Protein backbone atom coordinates (compact mmCIF):
# COMPACT_ATOMS: atom_id res chain seq x y z
CA UNK A 1 -214.48 -71.37 -7.26
CA UNK A 2 -211.19 -72.80 -6.01
CA UNK A 3 -212.97 -74.74 -3.26
CA UNK A 4 -215.43 -76.14 -5.81
CA UNK A 5 -212.57 -77.29 -8.06
CA UNK A 6 -210.80 -78.83 -5.09
CA UNK A 7 -213.94 -80.71 -4.15
CA UNK A 8 -214.30 -81.79 -7.79
CA UNK A 9 -210.89 -83.47 -7.64
CA UNK A 10 -211.83 -85.30 -4.45
CA UNK A 11 -215.05 -86.70 -5.83
CA UNK A 12 -213.57 -87.49 -9.22
CA UNK A 13 -210.97 -89.49 -7.37
CA UNK A 14 -213.79 -91.40 -5.73
CA UNK A 15 -215.49 -91.62 -9.11
CA UNK A 16 -212.43 -93.39 -10.44
CA UNK A 17 -213.00 -95.95 -7.71
CA UNK A 18 -215.82 -97.23 -9.87
CA UNK A 19 -213.06 -98.70 -11.99
CA UNK A 20 -213.32 -102.06 -10.30
CA UNK A 21 -215.86 -104.35 -11.93
CA UNK A 22 -218.69 -105.21 -9.59
CA UNK A 23 -219.10 -108.87 -8.77
CA UNK A 24 -222.59 -110.21 -8.80
CA UNK A 25 -225.49 -111.26 -10.94
CA UNK A 26 -227.51 -109.29 -13.44
CA UNK A 27 -229.79 -108.37 -10.51
CA UNK A 28 -227.10 -106.23 -8.88
CA UNK A 29 -228.45 -102.72 -8.45
CA UNK A 30 -226.58 -99.59 -9.57
CA UNK A 31 -226.00 -98.60 -5.94
CA UNK A 32 -224.65 -102.04 -5.09
CA UNK A 33 -222.33 -101.75 -8.07
CA UNK A 34 -220.97 -98.42 -6.84
CA UNK A 35 -220.74 -99.58 -3.23
CA UNK A 36 -218.92 -102.80 -4.04
CA UNK A 37 -216.55 -100.96 -6.35
CA UNK A 38 -215.64 -98.41 -3.69
CA UNK A 39 -214.97 -101.18 -1.17
CA UNK A 40 -212.78 -102.99 -3.70
CA UNK A 41 -210.62 -99.98 -4.47
CA UNK A 42 -210.19 -99.18 -0.79
CA UNK A 43 -208.90 -102.70 -0.22
CA UNK A 44 -206.44 -102.20 -3.06
CA UNK A 45 -205.20 -98.89 -1.70
CA UNK A 46 -204.67 -100.40 1.74
CA UNK A 47 -202.74 -103.39 0.41
CA UNK A 48 -199.19 -102.60 1.47
CA UNK A 49 -197.83 -105.63 -0.39
CA UNK A 50 -198.45 -103.99 -3.77
CA UNK A 51 -195.75 -101.98 -5.45
CA UNK A 52 -196.75 -98.48 -6.56
CA UNK A 53 -196.60 -99.23 -10.30
CA UNK A 54 -198.46 -102.51 -9.87
CA UNK A 55 -201.23 -100.71 -7.98
CA UNK A 56 -201.44 -98.03 -10.67
CA UNK A 57 -201.52 -100.60 -13.45
CA UNK A 58 -204.44 -102.41 -11.81
CA UNK A 59 -206.32 -99.16 -11.29
CA UNK A 60 -205.70 -98.05 -14.88
CA UNK A 61 -206.84 -101.38 -16.32
CA UNK A 62 -210.01 -101.36 -14.29
CA UNK A 63 -210.89 -97.78 -15.15
CA UNK A 64 -211.38 -99.01 -18.69
CA UNK A 65 -213.63 -101.78 -17.41
CA UNK A 66 -216.00 -99.53 -15.48
CA UNK A 67 -216.17 -96.32 -17.57
CA UNK A 68 -217.71 -96.31 -21.03
CA UNK A 69 -215.33 -93.92 -22.76
CA UNK A 70 -217.15 -94.17 -26.08
CA UNK A 71 -220.40 -92.97 -24.49
CA UNK A 72 -218.53 -90.28 -22.58
CA UNK A 73 -216.73 -89.19 -25.74
CA UNK A 74 -219.94 -88.89 -27.74
CA UNK A 75 -221.57 -86.78 -25.04
CA UNK A 76 -218.45 -84.66 -24.59
CA UNK A 77 -218.04 -83.86 -28.29
CA UNK A 78 -221.80 -83.52 -28.91
CA UNK A 79 -222.35 -82.41 -32.54
CA UNK A 80 -218.61 -82.54 -33.22
CA UNK A 81 -218.76 -86.33 -32.79
CA UNK A 82 -220.93 -86.64 -35.90
CA UNK A 83 -218.62 -84.37 -37.86
CA UNK A 84 -215.47 -86.30 -36.93
CA UNK A 85 -214.13 -89.14 -39.07
CA UNK A 86 -213.91 -92.67 -37.68
CA UNK A 87 -210.15 -92.24 -37.23
CA UNK A 88 -210.61 -88.93 -35.41
CA UNK A 89 -213.21 -90.48 -33.11
CA UNK A 90 -210.86 -93.31 -32.18
CA UNK A 91 -207.99 -90.90 -31.56
CA UNK A 92 -210.22 -88.78 -29.35
CA UNK A 93 -211.39 -91.77 -27.30
CA UNK A 94 -207.82 -92.98 -26.81
CA UNK A 95 -206.58 -89.56 -25.71
CA UNK A 96 -209.66 -88.82 -23.60
CA UNK A 97 -209.30 -92.05 -21.64
CA UNK A 98 -205.57 -91.46 -21.11
CA UNK A 99 -206.22 -87.89 -20.01
CA UNK A 100 -208.69 -88.91 -17.33
CA UNK A 101 -206.56 -91.84 -16.17
CA UNK A 102 -203.29 -89.90 -15.98
CA UNK A 103 -204.84 -86.79 -14.44
CA UNK A 104 -206.61 -88.48 -11.56
CA UNK A 105 -204.54 -91.56 -10.82
CA UNK A 106 -202.25 -89.56 -8.54
CA UNK A 107 -205.28 -88.23 -6.68
CA UNK A 108 -206.49 -91.75 -5.94
CA UNK A 109 -203.31 -92.46 -4.04
CA UNK A 110 -203.97 -89.43 -1.84
CA UNK A 111 -207.32 -90.83 -0.67
CA UNK A 112 -207.68 -90.08 3.05
CA UNK A 113 -210.57 -92.33 4.05
CA UNK A 114 -213.39 -89.84 3.64
CA UNK A 115 -216.71 -91.47 4.49
CA UNK A 116 -219.02 -92.27 1.58
CA UNK A 117 -222.79 -92.41 2.02
CA UNK A 118 -225.40 -93.65 -0.49
CA UNK A 119 -228.67 -91.72 0.08
CA UNK A 120 -230.54 -93.05 -2.94
CA UNK A 121 -230.82 -94.08 -6.57
CA UNK A 122 -233.16 -93.49 -9.48
CA UNK A 123 -233.60 -96.17 -12.13
CA UNK A 124 -235.51 -95.70 -15.38
CA UNK A 125 -235.22 -98.50 -17.89
CA UNK A 126 -231.57 -99.23 -18.58
CA UNK A 127 -230.33 -95.96 -17.08
CA UNK A 128 -229.74 -94.97 -13.48
CA UNK A 129 -228.49 -92.19 -11.25
CA UNK A 130 -226.75 -93.18 -8.03
CA UNK A 131 -226.58 -90.48 -5.38
CA UNK A 132 -223.59 -90.43 -3.08
CA UNK A 133 -222.30 -88.02 -0.50
CA UNK A 134 -218.64 -87.61 0.39
CA UNK A 135 -218.30 -86.76 4.08
CA UNK A 136 -215.02 -84.84 4.22
CA UNK A 137 -213.55 -82.87 7.10
CA UNK A 138 -214.39 -79.50 5.54
CA UNK A 139 -217.71 -80.23 3.81
CA UNK A 140 -220.28 -82.77 2.62
CA UNK A 141 -219.94 -83.12 -1.14
CA UNK A 142 -222.92 -84.43 -3.17
CA UNK A 143 -222.06 -86.55 -6.19
CA UNK A 144 -224.37 -88.25 -8.69
CA UNK A 145 -223.14 -91.05 -10.96
CA UNK A 146 -224.96 -91.61 -14.23
CA UNK A 147 -224.85 -95.23 -15.35
CA UNK A 148 -226.48 -97.39 -17.97
CA UNK A 149 -226.81 -101.13 -18.27
CA UNK A 150 -224.89 -102.88 -21.01
CA UNK A 151 -224.66 -106.68 -21.18
CA UNK A 152 -225.90 -106.98 -17.58
CA UNK A 153 -223.27 -104.56 -16.26
CA UNK A 154 -223.75 -101.01 -15.03
CA UNK A 155 -221.28 -98.61 -16.69
CA UNK A 156 -220.53 -94.98 -15.83
CA UNK A 157 -221.03 -92.38 -18.54
CA UNK A 158 -221.04 -89.17 -16.47
CA UNK A 159 -220.34 -87.84 -12.98
CA UNK A 160 -222.27 -84.90 -11.52
CA UNK A 161 -220.33 -83.05 -8.82
CA UNK A 162 -222.19 -80.42 -6.82
CA UNK A 163 -224.52 -80.02 -9.78
CA UNK A 164 -221.70 -79.78 -12.34
CA UNK A 165 -221.42 -82.49 -15.02
CA UNK A 166 -217.96 -83.82 -15.83
CA UNK A 167 -219.01 -84.37 -19.45
CA UNK A 168 -220.48 -80.88 -19.75
CA UNK A 169 -217.35 -79.38 -18.21
CA UNK A 170 -215.11 -80.95 -20.84
CA UNK A 171 -217.66 -80.26 -23.58
CA UNK A 172 -217.62 -76.49 -23.15
CA UNK A 173 -213.82 -76.41 -23.13
CA UNK A 174 -213.40 -78.68 -26.14
CA UNK A 175 -216.07 -76.98 -28.24
CA UNK A 176 -214.23 -73.69 -27.89
CA UNK A 177 -210.97 -75.27 -29.04
CA UNK A 178 -212.63 -76.95 -32.03
CA UNK A 179 -214.18 -73.65 -33.08
CA UNK A 180 -210.83 -71.87 -32.98
CA UNK A 181 -208.40 -74.56 -34.09
CA UNK A 182 -210.46 -77.34 -35.63
CA UNK A 183 -210.66 -80.97 -34.59
CA UNK A 184 -206.99 -81.50 -35.39
CA UNK A 185 -206.09 -78.67 -33.02
CA UNK A 186 -208.09 -80.30 -30.22
CA UNK A 187 -206.37 -83.65 -30.71
CA UNK A 188 -202.97 -81.95 -30.70
CA UNK A 189 -203.71 -80.14 -27.42
CA UNK A 190 -204.99 -83.33 -25.82
CA UNK A 191 -201.86 -85.21 -26.89
CA UNK A 192 -199.67 -82.47 -25.40
CA UNK A 193 -201.52 -82.70 -22.09
CA UNK A 194 -201.29 -86.50 -22.02
CA UNK A 195 -197.53 -86.27 -22.67
CA UNK A 196 -197.14 -83.78 -19.83
CA UNK A 197 -199.07 -85.94 -17.38
CA UNK A 198 -196.96 -88.99 -18.20
CA UNK A 199 -193.80 -87.27 -16.98
CA UNK A 200 -195.11 -84.78 -14.43
CA UNK A 201 -197.20 -85.01 -11.24
CA UNK A 202 -200.94 -84.45 -11.52
CA UNK A 203 -201.79 -80.75 -12.10
CA UNK A 204 -203.23 -78.44 -9.44
CA UNK A 205 -207.00 -78.15 -9.06
CA UNK A 206 -207.34 -75.11 -11.31
CA UNK A 207 -205.92 -76.91 -14.35
CA UNK A 208 -207.16 -80.47 -13.96
CA UNK A 209 -210.04 -80.11 -16.38
CA UNK A 210 -208.33 -77.99 -18.98
CA UNK A 211 -206.24 -78.94 -21.97
């Protein structure tokens, strides 16, 4: 279990690399989008002229450009999304995006040049799955990115790591909290975690996906 969580952090770090907007026309394929984005983030990480905070600010800004946090939020909350008020939905999206950004931004900086392969993609209408494989020293880690096309751009709405969905992982944890403490309790716990991550280093692998 610990190895699986460790691998999850590695691939989620690479998932965050999708933050950079892909350059190209509306004909750009989902795989090209992922590939170009990975290349762009690697160039940023290798740019020794950038100050640490400047690099982080650029990464954080571009995470918002590549991930559709509204779609991710709806899928994460499932039926609880419909029950939440408009204000609660907005609060959740704000906290959810901050949580992902602050949790994994430190991991991006620890990237050690693992090789990334792109074995295939599946496109059906305006949705796609891009298959990637992280070639690390200890193991080959399969990762699938779920994207959909919006205004001629491919946006990420879920990441599947070794068969485990990021959205589903958060969903099971958050549903339990809502059942016990209500939606207000969930928002409070998320805010506490965001506050912790703003002043502390990223958490160890066994706590990265918890509130």
